[in-house]
């Protein structure tokens, strides 16, 4: 029902990852994954003009009508290693919220800051992966795996998009952008992960059948 293409990608990929981890066979995975894949194809076939516009902008950011990618690239190139200072006006970036936040932060604080943010994002995702591998409860492992997909796309895509490596989409990064309720949900997801990790040793790897209850 949403008109957001990128969120459709993220949720479908997350669903496919969960299906792959829980399916018993390749045939079962193919049967379950067929419906969302057909839905994505139908979804994209109704928005070909929009997709072609985004692709042209990505391939030719210097064109006058394709100003978004070129302006972000100019702002990042003008940043230098230490930036232009916090709160500096950036006339080439129309707004500094949502998907423009990474280019603006790099413009203000420099390339070193951008590299540091990229390293922190990578460490965060590695930490999520460690949670998904050390936990013994399958349900908790699946939750961690899904959140790796969601946070990975939402953190890396806006950053690489600002650098001109990926096409332009409307996707606000978690923890950085002004996004209202999404920030609360992101913090709740991190709290859920911390709760999962705290209980990693409470459930044995192989839980046997529950002992019969004794009735007085």
N, C-alpha and C. Protein backbone atom coordinates (compact mmCIF):
# COMPACT_ATOMS: atom_id res chain seq x y z
N UNK A 1 0.82 -1.21 0.00
CA UNK A 1 0.00 0.00 0.00
C UNK A 1 0.86 1.27 0.00
N UNK A 2 2.13 1.15 0.38
CA UNK A 2 3.00 2.31 0.44
C UNK A 2 3.55 2.62 -0.94
N UNK A 3 3.92 3.88 -1.15
CA UNK A 3 4.54 4.28 -2.42
C UNK A 3 6.06 4.29 -2.33
N UNK A 4 6.62 3.84 -1.22
CA UNK A 4 8.06 3.85 -1.04
C UNK A 4 8.66 2.59 -1.65
N UNK A 5 9.50 2.77 -2.66
CA UNK A 5 10.13 1.64 -3.31
C UNK A 5 11.20 1.02 -2.43
N UNK A 6 12.02 1.86 -1.79
CA UNK A 6 13.15 1.33 -1.04
C UNK A 6 12.69 0.53 0.17
N UNK A 7 11.64 0.98 0.85
CA UNK A 7 11.15 0.20 1.99
C UNK A 7 10.57 -1.13 1.53
N UNK A 8 9.98 -1.15 0.35
CA UNK A 8 9.52 -2.42 -0.22
C UNK A 8 10.69 -3.37 -0.39
N UNK A 9 11.79 -2.88 -0.93
CA UNK A 9 13.00 -3.71 -1.07
C UNK A 9 13.46 -4.24 0.29
N UNK A 10 13.56 -3.35 1.25
CA UNK A 10 14.11 -3.74 2.55
C UNK A 10 13.27 -4.82 3.21
N UNK A 11 11.95 -4.64 3.22
CA UNK A 11 11.10 -5.60 3.92
C UNK A 11 11.01 -6.92 3.17
N UNK A 12 11.03 -6.87 1.85
CA UNK A 12 11.02 -8.12 1.08
C UNK A 12 12.32 -8.89 1.29
N UNK A 13 13.45 -8.19 1.26
CA UNK A 13 14.73 -8.87 1.50
C UNK A 13 14.79 -9.43 2.91
N UNK A 14 14.30 -8.67 3.90
CA UNK A 14 14.25 -9.19 5.26
C UNK A 14 13.37 -10.42 5.37
N UNK A 15 12.24 -10.38 4.69
CA UNK A 15 11.35 -11.55 4.70
C UNK A 15 12.02 -12.76 4.06
N UNK A 16 12.74 -12.54 2.96
CA UNK A 16 13.42 -13.65 2.29
C UNK A 16 14.54 -14.22 3.16
N UNK A 17 15.27 -13.34 3.87
CA UNK A 17 16.31 -13.83 4.78
C UNK A 17 15.70 -14.69 5.89
N UNK A 18 14.60 -14.22 6.46
CA UNK A 18 13.93 -15.00 7.50
C UNK A 18 13.41 -16.32 6.95
N UNK A 19 12.84 -16.29 5.75
CA UNK A 19 12.33 -17.50 5.14
C UNK A 19 13.45 -18.50 4.87
N UNK A 20 14.59 -18.01 4.39
CA UNK A 20 15.72 -18.90 4.11
C UNK A 20 16.25 -19.55 5.38
N UNK A 21 16.29 -18.77 6.46
CA UNK A 21 16.82 -19.31 7.72
C UNK A 21 15.88 -20.31 8.36
N UNK A 22 14.59 -20.21 8.10
CA UNK A 22 13.62 -21.07 8.75
C UNK A 22 13.08 -22.17 7.85
N UNK A 23 13.34 -22.10 6.54
CA UNK A 23 12.79 -23.12 5.63
C UNK A 23 13.56 -24.42 5.79
N UNK A 24 12.88 -25.53 5.52
CA UNK A 24 13.48 -26.85 5.65
C UNK A 24 14.15 -27.31 4.36
N UNK A 25 13.80 -26.70 3.24
CA UNK A 25 14.37 -27.13 1.97
C UNK A 25 14.33 -25.98 0.98
N UNK A 26 15.09 -26.12 -0.09
CA UNK A 26 15.11 -25.11 -1.14
C UNK A 26 13.75 -25.00 -1.82
N UNK A 27 13.06 -26.11 -2.00
CA UNK A 27 11.74 -26.09 -2.63
C UNK A 27 10.75 -25.32 -1.78
N UNK A 28 10.79 -25.52 -0.47
CA UNK A 28 9.89 -24.78 0.41
C UNK A 28 10.20 -23.29 0.37
N UNK A 29 11.47 -22.94 0.34
CA UNK A 29 11.85 -21.53 0.27
C UNK A 29 11.35 -20.89 -1.02
N UNK A 30 11.49 -21.61 -2.14
CA UNK A 30 11.04 -21.08 -3.42
C UNK A 30 9.54 -20.86 -3.44
N UNK A 31 8.79 -21.77 -2.85
CA UNK A 31 7.33 -21.64 -2.83
C UNK A 31 6.89 -20.45 -1.99
N UNK A 32 7.53 -20.27 -0.84
CA UNK A 32 7.15 -19.17 0.06
C UNK A 32 7.59 -17.83 -0.51
N UNK A 33 8.78 -17.80 -1.15
CA UNK A 33 9.33 -16.54 -1.65
C UNK A 33 8.70 -16.09 -2.95
N UNK A 34 7.96 -16.95 -3.63
CA UNK A 34 7.43 -16.60 -4.95
C UNK A 34 6.46 -15.42 -4.87
N UNK A 35 5.57 -15.42 -3.89
CA UNK A 35 4.55 -14.38 -3.80
C UNK A 35 5.15 -12.99 -3.59
N UNK A 36 6.04 -12.77 -2.59
CA UNK A 36 6.59 -11.41 -2.46
C UNK A 36 7.42 -10.98 -3.65
N UNK A 37 8.12 -11.91 -4.31
CA UNK A 37 8.90 -11.54 -5.48
C UNK A 37 8.00 -11.10 -6.63
N UNK A 38 6.89 -11.81 -6.83
CA UNK A 38 5.93 -11.40 -7.86
C UNK A 38 5.34 -10.03 -7.50
N UNK A 39 5.08 -9.81 -6.22
CA UNK A 39 4.57 -8.51 -5.79
C UNK A 39 5.54 -7.38 -6.08
N UNK A 40 6.85 -7.61 -5.87
CA UNK A 40 7.85 -6.60 -6.15
C UNK A 40 7.90 -6.29 -7.65
N UNK A 41 7.82 -7.32 -8.48
CA UNK A 41 7.84 -7.12 -9.93
C UNK A 41 6.66 -6.28 -10.37
N UNK A 42 5.47 -6.60 -9.86
CA UNK A 42 4.28 -5.81 -10.20
C UNK A 42 4.42 -4.38 -9.70
N UNK A 43 4.94 -4.23 -8.50
CA UNK A 43 5.13 -2.91 -7.90
C UNK A 43 6.05 -2.05 -8.77
N UNK A 44 7.16 -2.62 -9.22
CA UNK A 44 8.13 -1.86 -10.00
C UNK A 44 7.62 -1.58 -11.41
N UNK A 45 6.84 -2.49 -11.96
CA UNK A 45 6.34 -2.29 -13.32
C UNK A 45 5.39 -1.10 -13.41
N UNK A 46 4.81 -0.68 -12.31
CA UNK A 46 3.91 0.48 -12.31
C UNK A 46 4.64 1.79 -12.07
N UNK A 47 5.95 1.74 -11.85
CA UNK A 47 6.72 2.95 -11.54
C UNK A 47 7.99 3.04 -12.40
N UNK A 48 7.89 2.64 -13.63
CA UNK A 48 9.06 2.63 -14.51
C UNK A 48 9.58 4.04 -14.78
N UNK A 49 8.68 5.01 -14.94
CA UNK A 49 9.12 6.38 -15.22
C UNK A 49 9.96 6.93 -14.06
N UNK A 50 9.48 6.69 -12.86
CA UNK A 50 10.21 7.18 -11.68
C UNK A 50 11.57 6.50 -11.57
N UNK A 51 11.62 5.19 -11.82
CA UNK A 51 12.88 4.47 -11.73
C UNK A 51 13.87 4.94 -12.79
N UNK A 52 13.38 5.20 -14.00
CA UNK A 52 14.27 5.70 -15.05
C UNK A 52 14.81 7.08 -14.72
N UNK A 53 13.99 7.93 -14.10
CA UNK A 53 14.46 9.25 -13.70
C UNK A 53 15.58 9.13 -12.67
N UNK A 54 15.40 8.27 -11.68
CA UNK A 54 16.44 8.07 -10.67
C UNK A 54 17.71 7.52 -11.29
N UNK A 55 17.57 6.62 -12.24
CA UNK A 55 18.74 6.03 -12.88
C UNK A 55 19.50 7.07 -13.69
N UNK A 56 18.79 7.93 -14.42
CA UNK A 56 19.46 8.98 -15.20
C UNK A 56 20.18 9.95 -14.28
N UNK A 57 19.56 10.27 -13.15
CA UNK A 57 20.22 11.17 -12.20
C UNK A 57 21.49 10.54 -11.66
N UNK A 58 21.45 9.25 -11.38
CA UNK A 58 22.61 8.55 -10.85
C UNK A 58 23.73 8.46 -11.87
N UNK A 59 23.38 8.25 -13.14
CA UNK A 59 24.40 8.08 -14.17
C UNK A 59 24.96 9.41 -14.68
N UNK A 60 24.19 10.49 -14.52
CA UNK A 60 24.63 11.79 -15.03
C UNK A 60 24.36 12.88 -14.00
N UNK A 61 25.08 12.87 -12.87
CA UNK A 61 24.78 13.83 -11.80
C UNK A 61 25.15 15.27 -12.14
N UNK A 62 25.93 15.50 -13.20
CA UNK A 62 26.34 16.86 -13.54
C UNK A 62 25.32 17.60 -14.39
N UNK A 63 24.31 16.90 -14.89
CA UNK A 63 23.30 17.56 -15.71
C UNK A 63 22.49 18.56 -14.88
N UNK A 64 22.02 19.62 -15.52
CA UNK A 64 21.32 20.67 -14.79
C UNK A 64 20.05 20.15 -14.12
N UNK A 65 19.32 19.27 -14.83
CA UNK A 65 18.07 18.79 -14.26
C UNK A 65 18.31 17.68 -13.22
N UNK A 66 19.55 17.19 -13.11
CA UNK A 66 19.87 16.14 -12.16
C UNK A 66 20.73 16.74 -11.04
N UNK A 67 20.20 17.68 -10.31
CA UNK A 67 20.99 18.50 -9.42
C UNK A 67 21.30 17.83 -8.10
N UNK A 68 20.51 16.84 -7.68
CA UNK A 68 20.62 16.33 -6.31
C UNK A 68 21.99 15.69 -6.06
N UNK A 69 22.34 14.68 -6.88
CA UNK A 69 23.59 13.96 -6.69
C UNK A 69 24.79 14.88 -6.85
N UNK A 70 24.73 15.76 -7.84
CA UNK A 70 25.85 16.68 -8.06
C UNK A 70 26.06 17.63 -6.91
N UNK A 71 24.99 18.16 -6.32
CA UNK A 71 25.11 19.08 -5.20
C UNK A 71 25.70 18.40 -3.97
N UNK A 72 25.26 17.18 -3.69
CA UNK A 72 25.84 16.45 -2.56
C UNK A 72 27.32 16.19 -2.78
N UNK A 73 27.69 15.81 -3.99
CA UNK A 73 29.10 15.56 -4.29
C UNK A 73 29.93 16.83 -4.12
N UNK A 74 29.40 17.98 -4.57
CA UNK A 74 30.13 19.24 -4.41
C UNK A 74 30.31 19.59 -2.94
N UNK A 75 29.28 19.36 -2.14
CA UNK A 75 29.38 19.67 -0.70
C UNK A 75 30.42 18.79 -0.03
N UNK A 76 30.47 17.51 -0.37
CA UNK A 76 31.44 16.60 0.23
C UNK A 76 32.85 16.95 -0.21
N UNK A 77 33.04 17.30 -1.49
CA UNK A 77 34.37 17.67 -1.97
C UNK A 77 34.88 18.95 -1.33
N UNK A 78 33.96 19.84 -0.96
CA UNK A 78 34.36 21.10 -0.33
C UNK A 78 34.61 20.95 1.17
N UNK A 79 34.33 19.78 1.72
CA UNK A 79 34.44 19.61 3.18
C UNK A 79 35.88 19.61 3.65
N UNK A 80 36.76 18.92 2.92
CA UNK A 80 38.13 18.75 3.41
C UNK A 80 38.18 17.73 4.53
N UNK A 81 39.38 17.55 5.08
CA UNK A 81 39.53 16.54 6.12
C UNK A 81 38.83 16.93 7.42
N UNK A 82 38.73 18.22 7.74
CA UNK A 82 38.20 18.65 9.02
C UNK A 82 36.91 19.46 8.90
N UNK A 83 36.37 19.61 7.71
CA UNK A 83 35.07 20.24 7.54
C UNK A 83 35.11 21.76 7.58
N UNK A 84 33.92 22.33 7.38
CA UNK A 84 33.75 23.77 7.35
C UNK A 84 33.22 24.34 8.66
N UNK A 85 33.00 23.49 9.63
CA UNK A 85 32.47 23.96 10.91
C UNK A 85 31.00 23.66 11.05
N UNK A 86 30.58 23.43 12.29
CA UNK A 86 29.19 23.05 12.54
C UNK A 86 28.26 24.23 12.29
N UNK A 87 27.13 23.94 11.65
CA UNK A 87 26.12 24.96 11.41
C UNK A 87 26.38 25.82 10.20
N UNK A 88 27.36 25.46 9.39
CA UNK A 88 27.64 26.25 8.20
C UNK A 88 26.51 26.09 7.18
N UNK A 89 26.19 27.17 6.51
CA UNK A 89 25.15 27.13 5.49
C UNK A 89 25.67 26.39 4.27
N UNK A 90 24.82 25.56 3.71
CA UNK A 90 25.16 24.82 2.49
C UNK A 90 24.10 25.12 1.44
N UNK A 91 24.30 26.18 0.64
CA UNK A 91 23.27 26.57 -0.33
C UNK A 91 23.00 25.50 -1.38
N UNK A 92 23.95 24.60 -1.62
CA UNK A 92 23.74 23.59 -2.64
C UNK A 92 22.88 22.42 -2.15
N UNK A 93 22.79 22.23 -0.83
CA UNK A 93 21.94 21.17 -0.29
C UNK A 93 20.62 21.80 0.14
N UNK A 94 19.50 21.43 -0.45
CA UNK A 94 18.24 22.13 -0.18
C UNK A 94 17.74 21.96 1.24
N UNK A 95 18.01 20.83 1.87
CA UNK A 95 17.61 20.60 3.26
C UNK A 95 18.57 19.60 3.86
N UNK A 96 18.71 19.61 5.18
CA UNK A 96 19.73 18.79 5.84
C UNK A 96 19.09 17.72 6.71
N UNK A 97 17.84 17.40 6.45
CA UNK A 97 17.16 16.35 7.20
C UNK A 97 17.12 15.08 6.36
N UNK A 98 16.72 13.99 7.01
CA UNK A 98 16.44 12.73 6.33
C UNK A 98 17.65 12.24 5.53
N UNK A 99 17.48 12.05 4.22
CA UNK A 99 18.52 11.42 3.42
C UNK A 99 19.69 12.34 3.10
N UNK A 100 19.62 13.64 3.47
CA UNK A 100 20.74 14.56 3.23
C UNK A 100 21.64 14.73 4.45
N UNK A 101 21.37 14.01 5.51
CA UNK A 101 22.08 14.27 6.75
C UNK A 101 23.55 13.88 6.66
N UNK A 102 23.89 12.79 5.99
CA UNK A 102 25.29 12.37 5.90
C UNK A 102 26.14 13.37 5.11
N UNK A 103 25.71 13.80 3.90
CA UNK A 103 26.52 14.82 3.21
C UNK A 103 26.69 16.10 4.02
N UNK A 104 25.64 16.50 4.74
CA UNK A 104 25.75 17.73 5.54
C UNK A 104 26.74 17.55 6.69
N UNK A 105 26.69 16.40 7.39
CA UNK A 105 27.61 16.17 8.50
C UNK A 105 29.05 16.10 8.01
N UNK A 106 29.26 15.49 6.86
CA UNK A 106 30.62 15.45 6.29
C UNK A 106 31.07 16.86 5.92
N UNK A 107 30.16 17.65 5.36
CA UNK A 107 30.50 19.04 5.01
C UNK A 107 30.89 19.83 6.26
N UNK A 108 30.20 19.60 7.37
CA UNK A 108 30.47 20.35 8.60
C UNK A 108 31.73 19.85 9.31
N UNK A 109 31.89 18.52 9.41
CA UNK A 109 32.95 17.97 10.27
C UNK A 109 34.09 17.32 9.50
N UNK A 110 33.96 17.15 8.20
CA UNK A 110 35.08 16.69 7.41
C UNK A 110 35.07 15.21 7.07
N UNK A 111 36.02 14.84 6.23
CA UNK A 111 36.12 13.46 5.77
C UNK A 111 36.50 12.51 6.90
N UNK A 112 37.29 12.97 7.85
CA UNK A 112 37.65 12.11 8.98
C UNK A 112 36.41 11.71 9.77
N UNK A 113 35.49 12.65 9.94
CA UNK A 113 34.25 12.34 10.63
C UNK A 113 33.44 11.31 9.84
N UNK A 114 33.37 11.47 8.51
CA UNK A 114 32.64 10.51 7.69
C UNK A 114 33.24 9.12 7.78
N UNK A 115 34.57 9.02 7.77
CA UNK A 115 35.22 7.72 7.91
C UNK A 115 34.91 7.11 9.27
N UNK A 116 34.95 7.95 10.31
CA UNK A 116 34.63 7.46 11.66
C UNK A 116 33.21 6.94 11.76
N UNK A 117 32.26 7.65 11.14
CA UNK A 117 30.87 7.20 11.15
C UNK A 117 30.73 5.88 10.42
N UNK A 118 31.41 5.73 9.28
CA UNK A 118 31.37 4.46 8.55
C UNK A 118 31.91 3.31 9.37
N UNK A 119 33.00 3.54 10.11
CA UNK A 119 33.58 2.49 10.96
C UNK A 119 32.62 2.12 12.08
N UNK A 120 31.98 3.12 12.69
CA UNK A 120 31.03 2.84 13.77
C UNK A 120 29.83 2.05 13.26
N UNK A 121 29.35 2.38 12.08
CA UNK A 121 28.24 1.64 11.50
C UNK A 121 28.63 0.19 11.26
N UNK A 122 29.83 -0.02 10.73
CA UNK A 122 30.31 -1.38 10.49
C UNK A 122 30.44 -2.16 11.79
N UNK A 123 30.98 -1.53 12.84
CA UNK A 123 31.11 -2.20 14.14
C UNK A 123 29.74 -2.52 14.73
N UNK A 124 28.78 -1.63 14.54
CA UNK A 124 27.43 -1.87 15.03
C UNK A 124 26.82 -3.10 14.38
N UNK A 125 26.97 -3.22 13.06
CA UNK A 125 26.41 -4.37 12.36
C UNK A 125 27.16 -5.66 12.72
N UNK A 126 28.46 -5.56 12.91
CA UNK A 126 29.23 -6.74 13.35
C UNK A 126 28.74 -7.19 14.73
N UNK A 127 28.46 -6.23 15.59
CA UNK A 127 27.93 -6.57 16.92
C UNK A 127 26.59 -7.27 16.81
N UNK A 128 25.72 -6.80 15.93
CA UNK A 128 24.44 -7.48 15.71
C UNK A 128 24.65 -8.90 15.21
N UNK A 129 25.62 -9.08 14.31
CA UNK A 129 25.90 -10.42 13.80
C UNK A 129 26.41 -11.34 14.92
N UNK A 130 27.23 -10.80 15.82
CA UNK A 130 27.70 -11.61 16.94
C UNK A 130 26.55 -12.04 17.84
N UNK A 131 25.59 -11.16 18.04
CA UNK A 131 24.42 -11.52 18.84
C UNK A 131 23.65 -12.65 18.18
N UNK A 132 23.53 -12.59 16.86
CA UNK A 132 22.78 -13.64 16.15
C UNK A 132 23.50 -14.98 16.15
N UNK A 133 24.82 -14.98 16.36
CA UNK A 133 25.57 -16.24 16.32
C UNK A 133 25.76 -16.86 17.70
N UNK A 134 25.89 -16.03 18.74
CA UNK A 134 26.17 -16.59 20.07
C UNK A 134 24.91 -17.02 20.80
N UNK A 135 23.76 -16.49 20.39
CA UNK A 135 22.54 -16.84 21.11
C UNK A 135 22.10 -18.26 20.77
N UNK A 136 21.52 -18.94 21.74
CA UNK A 136 21.13 -20.33 21.58
C UNK A 136 19.66 -20.50 21.21
N UNK A 137 18.88 -19.46 21.40
CA UNK A 137 17.45 -19.56 21.10
C UNK A 137 17.21 -19.22 19.63
N UNK A 138 16.59 -20.11 18.83
CA UNK A 138 16.40 -19.83 17.39
C UNK A 138 15.58 -18.58 17.13
N UNK A 139 14.54 -18.36 17.93
CA UNK A 139 13.70 -17.18 17.70
C UNK A 139 14.50 -15.89 17.88
N UNK A 140 15.35 -15.84 18.91
CA UNK A 140 16.18 -14.67 19.14
C UNK A 140 17.19 -14.48 18.01
N UNK A 141 17.73 -15.57 17.51
CA UNK A 141 18.68 -15.49 16.39
C UNK A 141 18.02 -14.92 15.15
N UNK A 142 16.77 -15.31 14.89
CA UNK A 142 16.06 -14.81 13.72
C UNK A 142 15.76 -13.31 13.85
N UNK A 143 15.39 -12.86 15.05
CA UNK A 143 15.13 -11.44 15.26
C UNK A 143 16.40 -10.63 14.98
N UNK A 144 17.53 -11.09 15.51
CA UNK A 144 18.79 -10.38 15.28
C UNK A 144 19.14 -10.36 13.79
N UNK A 145 18.91 -11.44 13.08
CA UNK A 145 19.22 -11.49 11.66
C UNK A 145 18.37 -10.50 10.87
N UNK A 146 17.08 -10.42 11.20
CA UNK A 146 16.21 -9.48 10.51
C UNK A 146 16.65 -8.04 10.75
N UNK A 147 17.02 -7.72 11.99
CA UNK A 147 17.43 -6.36 12.30
C UNK A 147 18.76 -6.01 11.64
N UNK A 148 19.62 -7.00 11.40
CA UNK A 148 20.84 -6.73 10.65
C UNK A 148 20.50 -6.26 9.24
N UNK A 149 19.52 -6.91 8.61
CA UNK A 149 19.11 -6.52 7.26
C UNK A 149 18.53 -5.11 7.26
N UNK A 150 17.61 -4.84 8.19
CA UNK A 150 16.93 -3.55 8.21
C UNK A 150 17.91 -2.42 8.52
N UNK A 151 18.69 -2.58 9.61
CA UNK A 151 19.63 -1.52 9.97
C UNK A 151 20.76 -1.39 8.94
N UNK A 152 21.18 -2.51 8.35
CA UNK A 152 22.24 -2.45 7.36
C UNK A 152 21.84 -1.60 6.16
N UNK A 153 20.65 -1.84 5.62
CA UNK A 153 20.18 -1.05 4.49
C UNK A 153 19.98 0.41 4.88
N UNK A 154 19.36 0.63 6.02
CA UNK A 154 19.02 2.00 6.40
C UNK A 154 20.22 2.82 6.83
N UNK A 155 21.31 2.18 7.20
CA UNK A 155 22.51 2.92 7.57
C UNK A 155 23.46 3.11 6.40
N UNK A 156 23.69 2.05 5.63
CA UNK A 156 24.68 2.12 4.57
C UNK A 156 24.15 2.81 3.32
N UNK A 157 22.88 2.59 2.98
CA UNK A 157 22.37 3.18 1.73
C UNK A 157 22.41 4.70 1.76
N UNK A 158 21.89 5.40 2.79
CA UNK A 158 21.97 6.87 2.78
C UNK A 158 23.41 7.38 2.75
N UNK A 159 24.32 6.68 3.44
CA UNK A 159 25.71 7.13 3.43
C UNK A 159 26.32 6.97 2.04
N UNK A 160 26.16 5.81 1.42
CA UNK A 160 26.70 5.59 0.08
C UNK A 160 25.98 6.42 -0.96
N UNK A 161 24.70 6.70 -0.72
CA UNK A 161 23.95 7.56 -1.62
C UNK A 161 24.51 8.98 -1.59
N UNK A 162 24.83 9.46 -0.40
CA UNK A 162 25.43 10.79 -0.29
C UNK A 162 26.78 10.89 -0.96
N UNK A 163 27.51 9.77 -1.02
CA UNK A 163 28.81 9.75 -1.68
C UNK A 163 28.68 9.54 -3.18
N UNK A 164 27.47 9.33 -3.68
CA UNK A 164 27.26 9.13 -5.10
C UNK A 164 27.49 7.72 -5.57
N UNK A 165 27.61 6.75 -4.65
CA UNK A 165 27.86 5.37 -5.03
C UNK A 165 26.57 4.63 -5.35
N UNK A 166 25.47 4.99 -4.67
CA UNK A 166 24.18 4.36 -4.88
C UNK A 166 23.17 5.40 -5.36
N UNK A 167 22.11 4.98 -6.05
CA UNK A 167 21.11 5.94 -6.56
C UNK A 167 20.35 6.62 -5.43
N UNK A 168 19.72 7.73 -5.78
CA UNK A 168 18.94 8.52 -4.83
C UNK A 168 17.64 7.83 -4.50
N UNK A 169 17.37 7.67 -3.19
CA UNK A 169 16.09 7.18 -2.71
C UNK A 169 15.72 8.00 -1.48
N UNK A 170 14.45 7.95 -1.11
CA UNK A 170 14.00 8.64 0.09
C UNK A 170 14.07 7.66 1.25
N UNK A 171 15.16 7.74 2.00
CA UNK A 171 15.40 6.80 3.10
C UNK A 171 16.19 7.51 4.17
N UNK A 172 15.56 7.74 5.33
CA UNK A 172 16.26 8.42 6.41
C UNK A 172 17.07 7.42 7.23
N UNK A 173 18.32 7.73 7.55
CA UNK A 173 19.13 6.82 8.35
C UNK A 173 18.70 6.83 9.82
N UNK A 174 18.71 5.70 10.48
CA UNK A 174 18.36 5.68 11.91
C UNK A 174 19.43 6.34 12.76
N UNK A 175 19.02 6.93 13.89
CA UNK A 175 19.90 7.53 14.90
C UNK A 175 20.50 8.86 14.47
N UNK A 176 20.44 9.23 13.20
CA UNK A 176 21.05 10.47 12.73
C UNK A 176 20.03 11.50 12.30
N UNK A 177 18.99 11.06 11.62
CA UNK A 177 18.08 12.00 10.97
C UNK A 177 16.92 12.38 11.89
N UNK A 178 16.20 13.40 11.46
CA UNK A 178 15.00 13.84 12.17
C UNK A 178 13.82 13.04 11.61
N UNK A 179 13.40 12.00 12.35
CA UNK A 179 12.38 11.13 11.79
C UNK A 179 11.28 10.77 12.77
N UNK A 180 11.19 11.45 13.90
CA UNK A 180 10.04 11.29 14.78
C UNK A 180 9.87 9.88 15.33
N UNK A 181 8.74 9.26 14.99
CA UNK A 181 8.39 7.95 15.52
C UNK A 181 9.40 6.88 15.11
N UNK A 182 10.00 7.01 13.94
CA UNK A 182 10.99 6.02 13.52
C UNK A 182 12.17 5.97 14.49
N UNK A 183 12.56 7.12 15.03
CA UNK A 183 13.66 7.12 16.00
C UNK A 183 13.29 6.32 17.25
N UNK A 184 12.05 6.46 17.70
CA UNK A 184 11.60 5.72 18.89
C UNK A 184 11.60 4.22 18.59
N UNK A 185 11.13 3.84 17.41
CA UNK A 185 11.11 2.42 17.04
C UNK A 185 12.53 1.87 16.90
N UNK A 186 13.45 2.68 16.36
CA UNK A 186 14.83 2.22 16.24
C UNK A 186 15.46 2.02 17.61
N UNK A 187 15.22 2.92 18.53
CA UNK A 187 15.75 2.76 19.88
C UNK A 187 15.14 1.54 20.56
N UNK A 188 13.85 1.31 20.32
CA UNK A 188 13.20 0.13 20.89
C UNK A 188 13.79 -1.15 20.32
N UNK A 189 14.14 -1.13 19.02
CA UNK A 189 14.76 -2.31 18.42
C UNK A 189 16.13 -2.59 19.03
N UNK A 190 16.91 -1.53 19.27
CA UNK A 190 18.21 -1.72 19.92
C UNK A 190 18.02 -2.24 21.35
N UNK A 191 17.02 -1.71 22.06
CA UNK A 191 16.74 -2.23 23.39
C UNK A 191 16.35 -3.70 23.37
N UNK A 192 15.59 -4.09 22.34
CA UNK A 192 15.23 -5.50 22.19
C UNK A 192 16.47 -6.36 21.98
N UNK A 193 17.41 -5.88 21.16
CA UNK A 193 18.64 -6.62 20.93
C UNK A 193 19.46 -6.75 22.21
N UNK A 194 19.54 -5.68 22.98
CA UNK A 194 20.27 -5.75 24.25
C UNK A 194 19.62 -6.74 25.20
N UNK A 195 18.30 -6.76 25.22
CA UNK A 195 17.59 -7.72 26.07
C UNK A 195 17.83 -9.15 25.61
N UNK A 196 17.87 -9.35 24.29
CA UNK A 196 18.16 -10.68 23.75
C UNK A 196 19.56 -11.13 24.16
N UNK A 197 20.54 -10.24 24.02
CA UNK A 197 21.92 -10.61 24.35
C UNK A 197 22.08 -10.89 25.84
N UNK A 198 21.37 -10.13 26.67
CA UNK A 198 21.50 -10.33 28.12
C UNK A 198 21.01 -11.71 28.55
N UNK A 199 20.11 -12.29 27.77
CA UNK A 199 19.55 -13.60 28.11
C UNK A 199 20.15 -14.73 27.27
N UNK A 200 21.33 -14.50 26.72
CA UNK A 200 21.90 -15.49 25.79
C UNK A 200 22.24 -16.81 26.47
N UNK A 201 22.50 -16.80 27.79
CA UNK A 201 22.88 -18.02 28.49
C UNK A 201 21.75 -18.62 29.32
N UNK A 202 20.55 -18.09 29.17
CA UNK A 202 19.42 -18.58 29.97
C UNK A 202 18.72 -19.76 29.33
N UNK A 203 18.89 -19.95 28.00
CA UNK A 203 18.20 -21.02 27.29
C UNK A 203 19.24 -21.99 26.77
N UNK A 204 19.19 -23.27 27.10
CA UNK A 204 20.17 -24.22 26.60
C UNK A 204 20.03 -24.41 25.10
N UNK A 205 21.11 -24.90 24.47
CA UNK A 205 21.11 -25.07 23.02
C UNK A 205 20.13 -26.13 22.57
N UNK A 206 19.94 -27.16 23.35
CA UNK A 206 19.00 -28.22 23.01
C UNK A 206 18.04 -28.40 24.19
N UNK A 207 16.86 -27.87 24.02
CA UNK A 207 15.87 -27.95 25.08
C UNK A 207 15.06 -29.21 24.90
N UNK A 208 15.07 -30.07 25.89
CA UNK A 208 14.32 -31.30 25.79
C UNK A 208 12.85 -31.09 26.06
N UNK A 209 12.11 -32.14 26.09
CA UNK A 209 10.67 -32.02 26.35
C UNK A 209 10.46 -31.58 27.78
N UNK A 210 9.48 -30.78 27.95
CA UNK A 210 9.17 -30.27 29.28
C UNK A 210 8.75 -31.40 30.19
N UNK A 211 9.19 -31.30 31.42
CA UNK A 211 8.83 -32.33 32.39
C UNK A 211 7.34 -32.28 32.69
N UNK A 212 6.68 -33.41 32.92
CA UNK A 212 5.26 -33.40 33.21
C UNK A 212 4.96 -32.68 34.52
N UNK A 213 3.88 -31.96 34.50
CA UNK A 213 3.48 -31.21 35.70
C UNK A 213 2.91 -32.14 36.74
N UNK A 214 3.26 -31.91 37.97
CA UNK A 214 2.75 -32.71 39.06
C UNK A 214 1.50 -32.04 39.62
N UNK A 215 0.44 -32.79 39.65
CA UNK A 215 -0.82 -32.26 40.16
C UNK A 215 -1.00 -32.71 41.58
N UNK A 216 -1.18 -31.77 42.48
CA UNK A 216 -1.32 -32.11 43.89
C UNK A 216 -2.63 -32.86 44.12
